[in-house]
Structure formats: C-alpha cells, structure tokens
C-alpha cells in the first residue's frame, strides 16, 4: 500500500520544495530591503511567503504537473519554462505593476522572478520531475 503512495508523495515533496525555495528567496530579499530584520523574522517571512507561493501557484501547477506526468515529460527545460512563465506572470499581477506600469521596474520584476521561477522549477524537477510518468500514480505496482 505505501509503495503505491511513493509517486504522489514525491510530487508533493517536489512542489513543496519549490515553494519553500521561492518563499525563502523572497524572504531574504524582503529582509535585505528592511534593515534590522532578525533571523526569527526571516523564518516567519519565509513561512508566510511560502504560503503565498503555494496559494498563487497551486491551481496552475496541478494542471501542468498532471500534463507533464501524463506526457512523461522528464526534460528540465519544460519545467524551467513553466516556472519562469508562472513566476513572472504572478509577480506582475501581485506587484500591481499592471495598473501603474513603469517600464524599467516591470522589466526588472519580470526578469528577476523568471530566474527565481527557473530555480524553483529546477528544485521540483530534481525531486519529482525527472521521474515523471514512472509507475502508476495510486496502485501497488509503483
């Protein structure tokens, strides 16, 4: 029975690992821009921003991960492209840059978040994506 849960658990760990990396990097940037931030505050920021990353990315990721699993997509670049697109588009929507566009700020936000999305997607790929499509999702033959 537990053997059949290996793949869903690996997918969940990969997703959580990617979100934690995203939350940690965002917390470090936030702590760096606010002088005097202590280590416990960095932990609290990491937890809060990890939750935000999960909330923002859960629905698109469920769809894309299911498609990648179904298509047995094991190549890193597919995950990297998806991570960059999701992160860049979410950053623009969350930051409010759509209402008051400033070209340089918008480009900086999109590029920085695209690289962060690639890094997070690489974490997911390293944990789960490189094994995509191997074994049935919920059976004892995993």
Protein backbone atom coordinates (compact mmCIF):
# COMPACT_ATOMS: atom_id res chain seq x y z
CA UNK A 1 0.00 0.00 0.00
CA UNK A 2 2.70 2.51 0.95
CA UNK A 3 4.57 1.62 -2.20
CA UNK A 4 1.66 2.97 -4.25
CA UNK A 5 1.95 6.32 -2.48
CA UNK A 6 5.57 6.89 -3.44
CA UNK A 7 4.85 8.84 -6.60
CA UNK A 8 2.17 11.18 -5.17
CA UNK A 9 4.38 11.83 -2.15
CA UNK A 10 7.35 12.57 -4.42
CA UNK A 11 5.20 15.01 -6.43
CA UNK A 12 4.05 16.71 -3.21
CA UNK A 13 7.61 16.98 -1.86
CA UNK A 14 8.81 18.41 -5.15
CA UNK A 15 6.07 21.03 -5.14
CA UNK A 16 6.67 21.95 -1.50
CA UNK A 17 10.42 22.15 -2.08
CA UNK A 18 9.91 24.54 -4.98
CA UNK A 19 7.53 26.71 -2.94
CA UNK A 20 9.88 26.79 0.06
CA UNK A 21 12.76 27.92 -2.15
CA UNK A 22 10.55 30.64 -3.60
CA UNK A 23 9.44 31.74 -0.12
CA UNK A 24 12.97 31.72 1.27
CA UNK A 25 14.45 33.80 -1.55
CA UNK A 26 11.59 36.30 -1.36
CA UNK A 27 12.03 36.49 2.43
CA UNK A 28 15.76 37.13 2.03
CA UNK A 29 15.06 39.91 -0.45
CA UNK A 30 12.44 41.41 1.86
CA UNK A 31 14.79 41.16 4.86
CA UNK A 32 17.61 42.72 2.85
CA UNK A 33 15.46 45.69 1.88
CA UNK A 34 14.35 46.19 5.50
CA UNK A 35 17.41 46.87 7.65
CA UNK A 36 17.40 45.45 11.15
CA UNK A 37 15.46 42.28 10.35
CA UNK A 38 16.48 39.45 12.68
CA UNK A 39 16.73 35.72 11.98
CA UNK A 40 13.39 34.79 13.62
CA UNK A 41 11.70 37.37 11.44
CA UNK A 42 13.37 35.82 8.42
CA UNK A 43 11.86 32.46 9.38
CA UNK A 44 8.40 33.99 9.82
CA UNK A 45 8.75 35.78 6.49
CA UNK A 46 9.83 32.54 4.81
CA UNK A 47 6.79 30.69 6.14
CA UNK A 48 4.42 33.49 5.11
CA UNK A 49 5.88 33.84 1.62
CA UNK A 50 5.96 30.06 1.15
CA UNK A 51 2.24 30.02 1.91
CA UNK A 52 1.74 32.80 -0.62
CA UNK A 53 3.70 30.85 -3.25
CA UNK A 54 1.54 27.79 -2.59
CA UNK A 55 -1.70 29.76 -2.84
CA UNK A 56 -0.70 31.54 -6.04
CA UNK A 57 0.69 28.51 -7.86
CA UNK A 58 -1.42 25.55 -6.73
CA UNK A 59 -4.08 25.56 -9.46
CA UNK A 60 -1.85 26.13 -12.49
CA UNK A 61 0.71 23.69 -11.10
CA UNK A 62 -1.89 20.95 -10.61
CA UNK A 63 -2.81 21.22 -14.27
CA UNK A 64 0.74 21.46 -15.62
CA UNK A 65 2.14 18.72 -13.37
CA UNK A 66 -0.69 16.41 -14.40
CA UNK A 67 0.03 17.11 -18.07
CA UNK A 68 3.77 16.62 -17.60
CA UNK A 69 3.16 13.34 -15.77
CA UNK A 70 0.74 12.16 -18.45
CA UNK A 71 3.15 13.11 -21.25
CA UNK A 72 6.11 11.67 -19.29
CA UNK A 73 7.97 14.96 -19.59
CA UNK A 74 11.33 14.39 -17.91
CA UNK A 75 13.35 17.14 -19.54
CA UNK A 76 14.41 20.01 -17.33
CA UNK A 77 13.70 22.79 -19.79
CA UNK A 78 9.94 22.15 -19.82
CA UNK A 79 9.76 22.67 -16.08
CA UNK A 80 12.07 25.68 -16.30
CA UNK A 81 9.93 27.36 -18.95
CA UNK A 82 6.77 26.73 -16.94
CA UNK A 83 8.38 28.01 -13.73
CA UNK A 84 9.64 31.16 -15.42
CA UNK A 85 6.27 31.91 -17.03
CA UNK A 86 4.26 31.27 -13.87
CA UNK A 87 6.58 33.23 -11.61
CA UNK A 88 6.91 36.19 -13.97
CA UNK A 89 3.19 36.48 -14.62
CA UNK A 90 2.30 36.08 -10.94
CA UNK A 91 4.84 38.72 -9.93
CA UNK A 92 3.38 41.25 -12.33
CA UNK A 93 -0.16 40.59 -11.13
CA UNK A 94 0.74 40.61 -7.43
CA UNK A 95 3.02 43.65 -7.56
CA UNK A 96 0.37 45.84 -9.13
CA UNK A 97 2.65 46.80 -11.98
CA UNK A 98 -0.19 46.36 -14.44
CA UNK A 99 -2.10 49.37 -13.07
CA UNK A 100 0.87 51.72 -12.89
CA UNK A 101 3.44 50.47 -15.37
CA UNK A 102 6.97 51.77 -15.14
CA UNK A 103 8.90 50.02 -17.87
CA UNK A 104 12.21 49.58 -16.07
CA UNK A 105 10.59 48.33 -12.86
CA UNK A 106 8.30 45.99 -14.78
CA UNK A 107 11.19 44.51 -16.76
CA UNK A 108 13.27 44.09 -13.60
CA UNK A 109 10.43 42.37 -11.76
CA UNK A 110 9.67 40.02 -14.65
CA UNK A 111 13.30 39.05 -15.26
CA UNK A 112 14.14 38.54 -11.59
CA UNK A 113 11.05 36.47 -10.94
CA UNK A 114 11.59 34.46 -14.12
CA UNK A 115 15.01 33.42 -12.85
CA UNK A 116 13.53 32.62 -9.44
CA UNK A 117 10.84 30.56 -11.17
CA UNK A 118 13.52 28.65 -13.07
CA UNK A 119 15.36 27.94 -9.82
CA UNK A 120 12.17 26.75 -8.11
CA UNK A 121 11.22 24.62 -11.11
CA UNK A 122 14.68 23.08 -11.02
CA UNK A 123 14.09 22.06 -7.39
CA UNK A 124 10.79 20.46 -8.41
CA UNK A 125 12.42 18.73 -11.37
CA UNK A 126 15.28 17.42 -9.24
CA UNK A 127 12.89 15.91 -6.67
CA UNK A 128 10.00 14.74 -8.86
CA UNK A 129 10.02 15.91 -12.47
CA UNK A 130 12.90 13.79 -13.70
CA UNK A 131 10.87 10.71 -12.73
CA UNK A 132 7.67 11.86 -14.49
CA UNK A 133 5.42 9.10 -15.73
CA UNK A 134 7.25 6.29 -13.98
CA UNK A 135 4.81 3.87 -12.43
CA UNK A 136 1.09 4.22 -11.81
CA UNK A 137 0.00 7.04 -9.52
CA UNK A 138 -2.10 5.12 -6.99
CA UNK A 139 -1.50 1.40 -7.30
CA UNK A 140 0.68 -1.11 -5.58
CA UNK A 141 2.93 -1.51 -8.63
CA UNK A 142 4.74 1.90 -8.21
